[in-house]
Amino acid sequence: WFSLVNSIVIVLFLTGMVAMILLRALHKDISRY
């Protein structure tokens, strides 16, 4: 259970980081447009 929870937390954290980077890039492009 500890291994499963650890893996899920890491996947959620990395997904959140990628989503933040994409949202920041899209927000910057939309403001330029």
Full PDB file with SEQRES, HELIX, SHEET, SSBOND, CRYST1, ORIGX, SCALE, CONECT and MASTER records, all heavy atoms in Angstrom:
SEQRES   1 A   33  TRP PHE SER LEU VAL ASN SER ILE VAL ILE VAL LEU PHE          
SEQRES   2 A   33  LEU THR GLY MET VAL ALA MET ILE LEU LEU ARG ALA LEU          
SEQRES   3 A   33  HIS LYS ASP ILE SER ARG TYR                                  
HELIX    1 AA1 PHE A    2  ARG A   32  1                                  31    
CRYST1    1.000    1.000    1.000  90.00  90.00  90.00 P 1           1          
ORIGX1      1.000000  0.000000  0.000000        0.00000                         
ORIGX2      0.000000  1.000000  0.000000        0.00000                         
ORIGX3      0.000000  0.000000  1.000000        0.00000                         
SCALE1      1.000000  0.000000  0.000000        0.00000                         
SCALE2      0.000000  1.000000  0.000000        0.00000                         
SCALE3      0.000000  0.000000  1.000000        0.00000                         
ATOM      1  N   TRP A   1       0.834  -1.205   0.000  1.00  0.00           N  
ATOM      2  CA  TRP A   1       0.000   0.000   0.000  1.00  0.00           C  
ATOM      3  C   TRP A   1       0.860   1.242   0.000  1.00  0.00           C  
ATOM      4  O   TRP A   1       0.564   2.219  -0.679  1.00  0.00           O  
ATOM      5  CB  TRP A   1      -0.941   0.006   1.199  1.00  0.00           C  
ATOM      6  CG  TRP A   1      -2.090  -0.924   1.010  1.00  0.00           C  
ATOM      7  CD1 TRP A   1      -2.328  -2.090   1.653  1.00  0.00           C  
ATOM      8  CD2 TRP A   1      -3.159  -0.759   0.078  1.00  0.00           C  
ATOM      9  NE1 TRP A   1      -3.467  -2.670   1.188  1.00  0.00           N  
ATOM     10  CE2 TRP A   1      -4.004  -1.874   0.220  1.00  0.00           C  
ATOM     11  CE3 TRP A   1      -3.486   0.206  -0.856  1.00  0.00           C  
ATOM     12  CZ2 TRP A   1      -5.145  -2.040  -0.537  1.00  0.00           C  
ATOM     13  CZ3 TRP A   1      -4.618   0.047  -1.609  1.00  0.00           C  
ATOM     14  CH2 TRP A   1      -5.443  -1.070  -1.448  1.00  0.00           C  
ATOM     15  N   PHE A   2       1.951   1.224   0.764  1.00  0.00           N  
ATOM     16  CA  PHE A   2       2.845   2.385   0.789  1.00  0.00           C  
ATOM     17  C   PHE A   2       3.447   2.625  -0.594  1.00  0.00           C  
ATOM     18  O   PHE A   2       3.517   3.765  -1.060  1.00  0.00           O  
ATOM     19  CB  PHE A   2       3.959   2.181   1.820  1.00  0.00           C  
ATOM     20  CG  PHE A   2       4.937   3.308   1.842  1.00  0.00           C  
ATOM     21  CD1 PHE A   2       4.590   4.535   2.391  1.00  0.00           C  
ATOM     22  CD2 PHE A   2       6.199   3.151   1.308  1.00  0.00           C  
ATOM     23  CE1 PHE A   2       5.482   5.579   2.410  1.00  0.00           C  
ATOM     24  CE2 PHE A   2       7.101   4.193   1.318  1.00  0.00           C  
ATOM     25  CZ  PHE A   2       6.751   5.410   1.868  1.00  0.00           C  
ATOM     26  N   SER A   3       3.847   1.568  -1.272  1.00  0.00           N  
ATOM     27  CA  SER A   3       4.416   1.714  -2.616  1.00  0.00           C  
ATOM     28  C   SER A   3       3.392   2.258  -3.591  1.00  0.00           C  
ATOM     29  O   SER A   3       3.705   3.129  -4.412  1.00  0.00           O  
ATOM     30  CB  SER A   3       4.935   0.369  -3.117  1.00  0.00           C  
ATOM     31  OG  SER A   3       5.961  -0.102  -2.300  1.00  0.00           O  
ATOM     32  N   LEU A   4       2.171   1.758  -3.517  1.00  0.00           N  
ATOM     33  CA  LEU A   4       1.125   2.248  -4.417  1.00  0.00           C  
ATOM     34  C   LEU A   4       0.809   3.716  -4.165  1.00  0.00           C  
ATOM     35  O   LEU A   4       0.702   4.508  -5.106  1.00  0.00           O  
ATOM     36  CB  LEU A   4      -0.138   1.409  -4.256  1.00  0.00           C  
ATOM     37  CG  LEU A   4      -0.081  -0.006  -4.827  1.00  0.00           C  
ATOM     38  CD1 LEU A   4      -1.321  -0.774  -4.433  1.00  0.00           C  
ATOM     39  CD2 LEU A   4       0.057   0.048  -6.321  1.00  0.00           C  
ATOM     40  N   VAL A   5       0.652   4.091  -2.912  1.00  0.00           N  
ATOM     41  CA  VAL A   5       0.347   5.488  -2.589  1.00  0.00           C  
ATOM     42  C   VAL A   5       1.505   6.389  -2.996  1.00  0.00           C  
ATOM     43  O   VAL A   5       1.297   7.479  -3.548  1.00  0.00           O  
ATOM     44  CB  VAL A   5       0.015   5.627  -1.085  1.00  0.00           C  
ATOM     45  CG1 VAL A   5      -0.052   7.079  -0.672  1.00  0.00           C  
ATOM     46  CG2 VAL A   5      -1.293   4.932  -0.769  1.00  0.00           C  
ATOM     47  N   ASN A   6       2.727   5.929  -2.778  1.00  0.00           N  
ATOM     48  CA  ASN A   6       3.899   6.711  -3.166  1.00  0.00           C  
ATOM     49  C   ASN A   6       3.929   6.928  -4.677  1.00  0.00           C  
ATOM     50  O   ASN A   6       4.171   8.048  -5.146  1.00  0.00           O  
ATOM     51  CB  ASN A   6       5.167   5.990  -2.696  1.00  0.00           C  
ATOM     52  CG  ASN A   6       6.401   6.816  -2.899  1.00  0.00           C  
ATOM     53  OD1 ASN A   6       6.341   8.039  -2.957  1.00  0.00           O  
ATOM     54  ND2 ASN A   6       7.536   6.151  -3.016  1.00  0.00           N  
ATOM     55  N   SER A   7       3.661   5.896  -5.446  1.00  0.00           N  
ATOM     56  CA  SER A   7       3.657   6.032  -6.904  1.00  0.00           C  
ATOM     57  C   SER A   7       2.556   6.977  -7.375  1.00  0.00           C  
ATOM     58  O   SER A   7       2.778   7.804  -8.260  1.00  0.00           O  
ATOM     59  CB  SER A   7       3.466   4.663  -7.556  1.00  0.00           C  
ATOM     60  OG  SER A   7       4.525   3.810  -7.221  1.00  0.00           O  
ATOM     61  N   ILE A   8       1.382   6.863  -6.790  1.00  0.00           N  
ATOM     62  CA  ILE A   8       0.270   7.739  -7.183  1.00  0.00           C  
ATOM     63  C   ILE A   8       0.577   9.190  -6.872  1.00  0.00           C  
ATOM     64  O   ILE A   8       0.314  10.082  -7.684  1.00  0.00           O  
ATOM     65  CB  ILE A   8      -1.034   7.271  -6.502  1.00  0.00           C  
ATOM     66  CG1 ILE A   8      -1.489   5.941  -7.102  1.00  0.00           C  
ATOM     67  CG2 ILE A   8      -2.137   8.315  -6.633  1.00  0.00           C  
ATOM     68  CD1 ILE A   8      -2.627   5.290  -6.358  1.00  0.00           C  
ATOM     69  N   VAL A   9       1.166   9.459  -5.710  1.00  0.00           N  
ATOM     70  CA  VAL A   9       1.509  10.835  -5.341  1.00  0.00           C  
ATOM     71  C   VAL A   9       2.547  11.401  -6.299  1.00  0.00           C  
ATOM     72  O   VAL A   9       2.439  12.556  -6.737  1.00  0.00           O  
ATOM     73  CB  VAL A   9       1.998  10.885  -3.879  1.00  0.00           C  
ATOM     74  CG1 VAL A   9       2.647  12.213  -3.560  1.00  0.00           C  
ATOM     75  CG2 VAL A   9       0.842  10.625  -2.930  1.00  0.00           C  
ATOM     76  N   ILE A  10       3.537  10.605  -6.665  1.00  0.00           N  
ATOM     77  CA  ILE A  10       4.565  11.080  -7.595  1.00  0.00           C  
ATOM     78  C   ILE A  10       3.957  11.371  -8.968  1.00  0.00           C  
ATOM     79  O   ILE A  10       4.257  12.403  -9.586  1.00  0.00           O  
ATOM     80  CB  ILE A  10       5.712  10.054  -7.699  1.00  0.00           C  
ATOM     81  CG1 ILE A  10       6.520  10.065  -6.399  1.00  0.00           C  
ATOM     82  CG2 ILE A  10       6.622  10.356  -8.877  1.00  0.00           C  
ATOM     83  CD1 ILE A  10       7.566   8.989  -6.304  1.00  0.00           C  
ATOM     84  N   VAL A  11       3.077  10.492  -9.456  1.00  0.00           N  
ATOM     85  CA  VAL A  11       2.439  10.715 -10.753  1.00  0.00           C  
ATOM     86  C   VAL A  11       1.582  11.977 -10.723  1.00  0.00           C  
ATOM     87  O   VAL A  11       1.614  12.792 -11.655  1.00  0.00           O  
ATOM     88  CB  VAL A  11       1.608   9.485 -11.164  1.00  0.00           C  
ATOM     89  CG1 VAL A  11       0.675   9.803 -12.311  1.00  0.00           C  
ATOM     90  CG2 VAL A  11       2.514   8.334 -11.530  1.00  0.00           C  
ATOM     91  N   LEU A  12       0.811  12.175  -9.655  1.00  0.00           N  
ATOM     92  CA  LEU A  12      -0.014  13.381  -9.543  1.00  0.00           C  
ATOM     93  C   LEU A  12       0.841  14.637  -9.477  1.00  0.00           C  
ATOM     94  O   LEU A  12       0.512  15.662 -10.090  1.00  0.00           O  
ATOM     95  CB  LEU A  12      -0.931  13.283  -8.322  1.00  0.00           C  
ATOM     96  CG  LEU A  12      -2.060  12.266  -8.424  1.00  0.00           C  
ATOM     97  CD1 LEU A  12      -2.834  12.201  -7.103  1.00  0.00           C  
ATOM     98  CD2 LEU A  12      -2.986  12.604  -9.570  1.00  0.00           C  
ATOM     99  N   PHE A  13       1.945  14.589  -8.747  1.00  0.00           N  
ATOM    100  CA  PHE A  13       2.829  15.744  -8.654  1.00  0.00           C  
ATOM    101  C   PHE A  13       3.432  16.091 -10.012  1.00  0.00           C  
ATOM    102  O   PHE A  13       3.424  17.260 -10.425  1.00  0.00           O  
ATOM    103  CB  PHE A  13       3.945  15.464  -7.633  1.00  0.00           C  
ATOM    104  CG  PHE A  13       4.962  16.549  -7.539  1.00  0.00           C  
ATOM    105  CD1 PHE A  13       4.654  17.746  -6.916  1.00  0.00           C  
ATOM    106  CD2 PHE A  13       6.222  16.387  -8.082  1.00  0.00           C  
ATOM    107  CE1 PHE A  13       5.586  18.760  -6.825  1.00  0.00           C  
ATOM    108  CE2 PHE A  13       7.162  17.385  -8.000  1.00  0.00           C  
ATOM    109  CZ  PHE A  13       6.848  18.574  -7.372  1.00  0.00           C  
ATOM    110  N   LEU A  14       3.933  15.085 -10.730  1.00  0.00           N  
ATOM    111  CA  LEU A  14       4.526  15.347 -12.039  1.00  0.00           C  
ATOM    112  C   LEU A  14       3.481  15.815 -13.048  1.00  0.00           C  
ATOM    113  O   LEU A  14       3.749  16.698 -13.866  1.00  0.00           O  
ATOM    114  CB  LEU A  14       5.237  14.097 -12.549  1.00  0.00           C  
ATOM    115  CG  LEU A  14       6.494  13.706 -11.766  1.00  0.00           C  
ATOM    116  CD1 LEU A  14       7.055  12.396 -12.282  1.00  0.00           C  
ATOM    117  CD2 LEU A  14       7.543  14.795 -11.836  1.00  0.00           C  
ATOM    118  N   THR A  15       2.275  15.259 -12.988  1.00  0.00           N  
ATOM    119  CA  THR A  15       1.203  15.715 -13.870  1.00  0.00           C  
ATOM    120  C   THR A  15       0.847  17.163 -13.586  1.00  0.00           C  
ATOM    121  O   THR A  15       0.627  17.955 -14.507  1.00  0.00           O  
ATOM    122  CB  THR A  15      -0.035  14.814 -13.699  1.00  0.00           C  
ATOM    123  OG1 THR A  15       0.344  13.467 -13.951  1.00  0.00           O  
ATOM    124  CG2 THR A  15      -1.147  15.230 -14.634  1.00  0.00           C  
ATOM    125  N   GLY A  16       0.806  17.523 -12.312  1.00  0.00           N  
ATOM    126  CA  GLY A  16       0.540  18.915 -11.938  1.00  0.00           C  
ATOM    127  C   GLY A  16       1.611  19.863 -12.441  1.00  0.00           C  
ATOM    128  O   GLY A  16       1.310  20.964 -12.911  1.00  0.00           O  
ATOM    129  N   MET A  17       2.866  19.437 -12.360  1.00  0.00           N  
ATOM    130  CA  MET A  17       3.955  20.285 -12.846  1.00  0.00           C  
ATOM    131  C   MET A  17       3.857  20.503 -14.360  1.00  0.00           C  
ATOM    132  O   MET A  17       4.019  21.629 -14.845  1.00  0.00           O  
ATOM    133  CB  MET A  17       5.308  19.647 -12.501  1.00  0.00           C  
ATOM    134  CG  MET A  17       5.603  19.607 -11.021  1.00  0.00           C  
ATOM    135  SD  MET A  17       5.730  21.246 -10.290  1.00  0.00           S  
ATOM    136  CE  MET A  17       7.226  21.811 -11.020  1.00  0.00           C  
ATOM    137  N   VAL A  18       3.601  19.446 -15.112  1.00  0.00           N  
ATOM    138  CA  VAL A  18       3.461  19.573 -16.567  1.00  0.00           C  
ATOM    139  C   VAL A  18       2.262  20.446 -16.909  1.00  0.00           C  
ATOM    140  O   VAL A  18       2.326  21.295 -17.803  1.00  0.00           O  
ATOM    141  CB  VAL A  18       3.352  18.175 -17.223  1.00  0.00           C  
ATOM    142  CG1 VAL A  18       2.955  18.278 -18.678  1.00  0.00           C  
ATOM    143  CG2 VAL A  18       4.660  17.424 -17.079  1.00  0.00           C  
ATOM    144  N   ALA A  19       1.164  20.276 -16.184  1.00  0.00           N  
ATOM    145  CA  ALA A  19      -0.022  21.096 -16.439  1.00  0.00           C  
ATOM    146  C   ALA A  19       0.258  22.568 -16.161  1.00  0.00           C  
ATOM    147  O   ALA A  19      -0.182  23.441 -16.918  1.00  0.00           O  
ATOM    148  CB  ALA A  19      -1.188  20.604 -15.586  1.00  0.00           C  
ATOM    149  N   MET A  20       0.997  22.852 -15.092  1.00  0.00           N  
ATOM    150  CA  MET A  20       1.336  24.257 -14.798  1.00  0.00           C  
ATOM    151  C   MET A  20       2.199  24.860 -15.893  1.00  0.00           C  
ATOM    152  O   MET A  20       1.986  26.006 -16.304  1.00  0.00           O  
ATOM    153  CB  MET A  20       2.055  24.360 -13.450  1.00  0.00           C  
ATOM    154  CG  MET A  20       1.129  24.357 -12.282  1.00  0.00           C  
ATOM    155  SD  MET A  20       1.860  24.749 -10.679  1.00  0.00           S  
ATOM    156  CE  MET A  20       3.586  24.831 -10.917  1.00  0.00           C  
ATOM    157  N   ILE A  21       3.161  24.108 -16.385  1.00  0.00           N  
ATOM    158  CA  ILE A  21       4.034  24.622 -17.448  1.00  0.00           C  
ATOM    159  C   ILE A  21       3.230  24.883 -18.719  1.00  0.00           C  
ATOM    160  O   ILE A  21       3.377  25.931 -19.360  1.00  0.00           O  
ATOM    161  CB  ILE A  21       5.182  23.627 -17.706  1.00  0.00           C  
ATOM    162  CG1 ILE A  21       6.138  23.612 -16.514  1.00  0.00           C  
ATOM    163  CG2 ILE A  21       5.934  23.983 -18.983  1.00  0.00           C  
ATOM    164  CD1 ILE A  21       7.155  22.495 -16.539  1.00  0.00           C  
ATOM    165  N   LEU A  22       2.351  23.946 -19.089  1.00  0.00           N  
ATOM    166  CA  LEU A  22       1.529  24.146 -20.285  1.00  0.00           C  
ATOM    167  C   LEU A  22       0.565  25.320 -20.125  1.00  0.00           C  
ATOM    168  O   LEU A  22       0.386  26.117 -21.053  1.00  0.00           O  
ATOM    169  CB  LEU A  22       0.746  22.874 -20.601  1.00  0.00           C  
ATOM    170  CG  LEU A  22       1.545  21.746 -21.251  1.00  0.00           C  
ATOM    171  CD1 LEU A  22       0.682  20.507 -21.393  1.00  0.00           C  
ATOM    172  CD2 LEU A  22       2.070  22.180 -22.601  1.00  0.00           C  
ATOM    173  N   LEU A  23      -0.056  25.433 -18.967  1.00  0.00           N  
ATOM    174  CA  LEU A  23      -0.973  26.555 -18.746  1.00  0.00           C  
ATOM    175  C   LEU A  23      -0.254  27.893 -18.791  1.00  0.00           C  
ATOM    176  O   LEU A  23      -0.770  28.878 -19.325  1.00  0.00           O  
ATOM    177  CB  LEU A  23      -1.701  26.385 -17.418  1.00  0.00           C  
ATOM    178  CG  LEU A  23      -2.825  25.344 -17.420  1.00  0.00           C  
ATOM    179  CD1 LEU A  23      -3.394  25.181 -16.019  1.00  0.00           C  
ATOM    180  CD2 LEU A  23      -3.914  25.756 -18.387  1.00  0.00           C  
ATOM    181  N   ARG A  24       0.949  27.937 -18.227  1.00  0.00           N  
ATOM    182  CA  ARG A  24       1.720  29.179 -18.264  1.00  0.00           C  
ATOM    183  C   ARG A  24       2.071  29.553 -19.704  1.00  0.00           C  
ATOM    184  O   ARG A  24       1.945  30.720 -20.103  1.00  0.00           O  
ATOM    185  CB  ARG A  24       2.987  29.018 -17.427  1.00  0.00           C  
ATOM    186  CG  ARG A  24       3.769  30.318 -17.299  1.00  0.00           C  
ATOM    187  CD  ARG A  24       4.971  30.148 -16.424  1.00  0.00           C  
ATOM    188  NE  ARG A  24       4.526  29.839 -15.062  1.00  0.00           N  
ATOM    189  CZ  ARG A  24       5.340  29.489 -14.090  1.00  0.00           C  
ATOM    190  NH1 ARG A  24       6.627  29.368 -14.319  1.00  0.00           N  
ATOM    191  NH2 ARG A  24       4.877  29.247 -12.886  1.00  0.00           N  
ATOM    192  N   ALA A  25       2.497  28.561 -20.509  1.00  0.00           N  
ATOM    193  CA  ALA A  25       2.837  28.841 -21.908  1.00  0.00           C  
ATOM    194  C   ALA A  25       1.602  29.269 -22.695  1.00  0.00           C  
ATOM    195  O   ALA A  25       1.662  30.216 -23.490  1.00  0.00           O  
ATOM    196  CB  ALA A  25       3.473  27.605 -22.539  1.00  0.00           C  
ATOM    197  N   LEU A  26       0.484  28.586 -22.491  1.00  0.00           N  
ATOM    198  CA  LEU A  26      -0.737  28.959 -23.193  1.00  0.00           C  
ATOM    199  C   LEU A  26      -1.239  30.339 -22.775  1.00  0.00           C  
ATOM    200  O   LEU A  26      -1.699  31.124 -23.612  1.00  0.00           O  
ATOM    201  CB  LEU A  26      -1.829  27.919 -22.959  1.00  0.00           C  
ATOM    202  CG  LEU A  26      -1.653  26.596 -23.698  1.00  0.00           C  
ATOM    203  CD1 LEU A  26      -2.704  25.600 -23.245  1.00  0.00           C  
ATOM    204  CD2 LEU A  26      -1.726  26.802 -25.192  1.00  0.00           C  
ATOM    205  N   HIS A  27      -1.144  30.631 -21.496  1.00  0.00           N  
ATOM    206  CA  HIS A  27      -1.578  31.960 -21.016  1.00  0.00           C  
ATOM    207  C   HIS A  27      -0.733  33.054 -21.645  1.00  0.00           C  
ATOM    208  O   HIS A  27      -1.255  34.101 -22.060  1.00  0.00           O  
ATOM    209  CB  HIS A  27      -1.501  32.013 -19.492  1.00  0.00           C  
ATOM    210  CG  HIS A  27      -2.025  33.284 -18.932  1.00  0.00           C  
ATOM    211  ND1 HIS A  27      -1.212  34.369 -18.673  1.00  0.00           N  
ATOM    212  CD2 HIS A  27      -3.285  33.662 -18.590  1.00  0.00           C  
ATOM    213  CE1 HIS A  27      -1.942  35.350 -18.199  1.00  0.00           C  
ATOM    214  NE2 HIS A  27      -3.207  34.940 -18.135  1.00  0.00           N  
ATOM    215  N   LYS A  28       0.576  32.800 -21.744  1.00  0.00           N  
ATOM    216  CA  LYS A  28       1.452  33.796 -22.352  1.00  0.00           C  
ATOM    217  C   LYS A  28       1.126  33.989 -23.831  1.00  0.00           C  
ATOM    218  O   LYS A  28       1.073  35.124 -24.324  1.00  0.00           O  
ATOM    219  CB  LYS A  28       2.916  33.356 -22.184  1.00  0.00           C  
ATOM    220  CG  LYS A  28       3.905  34.399 -22.634  1.00  0.00           C  
ATOM    221  CD  LYS A  28       5.349  34.097 -22.262  1.00  0.00           C  
ATOM    222  CE  LYS A  28       5.748  32.671 -22.398  1.00  0.00           C  
ATOM    223  NZ  LYS A  28       7.182  32.434 -22.239  1.00  0.00           N  
ATOM    224  N   ASP A  29       0.869  32.886 -24.558  1.00  0.00           N  
ATOM    225  CA  ASP A  29       0.508  32.995 -25.975  1.00  0.00           C  
ATOM    226  C   ASP A  29      -0.821  33.709 -26.164  1.00  0.00           C  
ATOM    227  O   ASP A  29      -0.974  34.534 -27.069  1.00  0.00           O  
ATOM    228  CB  ASP A  29       0.446  31.611 -26.614  1.00  0.00           C  
ATOM    229  CG  ASP A  29       1.821  31.054 -26.923  1.00  0.00           C  
ATOM    230  OD1 ASP A  29       2.798  31.824 -26.859  1.00  0.00           O  
ATOM    231  OD2 ASP A  29       1.901  29.851 -27.217  1.00  0.00           O  
ATOM    232  N   ILE A  30      -1.797  33.399 -25.339  1.00  0.00           N  
ATOM    233  CA  ILE A  30      -3.105  34.041 -25.469  1.00  0.00           C  
ATOM    234  C   ILE A  30      -3.007  35.533 -25.191  1.00  0.00           C  
ATOM    235  O   ILE A  30      -3.623  36.355 -25.883  1.00  0.00           O  
ATOM    236  CB  ILE A  30      -4.131  33.356 -24.544  1.00  0.00           C  
ATOM    237  CG1 ILE A  30      -4.456  31.968 -25.089  1.00  0.00           C  
ATOM    238  CG2 ILE A  30      -5.403  34.177 -24.412  1.00  0.00           C  
ATOM    239  CD1 ILE A  30      -5.311  31.127 -24.179  1.00  0.00           C  
ATOM    240  N   SER A  31      -2.222  35.918 -24.205  1.00  0.00           N  
ATOM    241  CA  SER A  31      -2.058  37.350 -23.940  1.00  0.00           C  
ATOM    242  C   SER A  31      -1.354  38.050 -25.102  1.00  0.00           C  
ATOM    243  O   SER A  31      -1.680  39.183 -25.444  1.00  0.00           O  
ATOM    244  CB  SER A  31      -1.304  37.576 -22.634  1.00  0.00           C  
ATOM    245  OG  SER A  31       0.013  37.108 -22.733  1.00  0.00           O  
ATOM    246  N   ARG A  32      -0.396  37.369 -25.753  1.00  0.00           N  
ATOM    247  CA  ARG A  32       0.257  37.951 -26.936  1.00  0.00           C  
ATOM    248  C   ARG A  32      -0.747  38.117 -28.077  1.00  0.00           C  
ATOM    249  O   ARG A  32      -0.738  39.131 -28.780  1.00  0.00           O  
ATOM    250  CB  ARG A  32       1.402  37.065 -27.412  1.00  0.00           C  
ATOM    251  CG  ARG A  32       2.647  37.183 -26.603  1.00  0.00           C  
ATOM    252  CD  ARG A  32       3.729  36.344 -27.239  1.00  0.00           C  
ATOM    253  NE  ARG A  32       4.856  36.171 -26.358  1.00  0.00           N  
ATOM    254  CZ  ARG A  32       5.833  35.309 -26.556  1.00  0.00           C  
ATOM    255  NH1 ARG A  32       5.804  34.525 -27.623  1.00  0.00           N  
ATOM    256  NH2 ARG A  32       6.828  35.224 -25.718  1.00  0.00           N  
ATOM    257  N   TYR A  33      -1.605  37.094 -28.290  1.00  0.00           N  
ATOM    258  CA  TYR A  33      -2.597  37.189 -29.350  1.00  0.00           C  
ATOM    259  C   TYR A  33      -3.556  38.351 -29.105  1.00  0.00           C  
ATOM    260  O   TYR A  33      -3.935  39.062 -30.024  1.00  0.00           O  
ATOM    261  CB  TYR A  33      -3.391  35.892 -29.473  1.00  0.00           C  
ATOM    262  CG  TYR A  33      -2.568  34.694 -29.867  1.00  0.00           C  
ATOM    263  CD1 TYR A  33      -2.895  33.438 -29.415  1.00  0.00           C  
ATOM    264  CD2 TYR A  33      -1.458  34.822 -30.693  1.00  0.00           C  
ATOM    265  CE1 TYR A  33      -2.149  32.327 -29.773  1.00  0.00           C  
ATOM    266  CE2 TYR A  33      -0.700  33.729 -31.040  1.00  0.00           C  
ATOM    267  CZ  TYR A  33      -1.047  32.485 -30.589  1.00  0.00           C  
ATOM    268  OH  TYR A  33      -0.307  31.395 -30.942  1.00  0.00           O  
TER     269      TYR A  33                                                      
MASTER        0    0    0    1    0    0    0    6  268    1    0    3          
END                                                                             
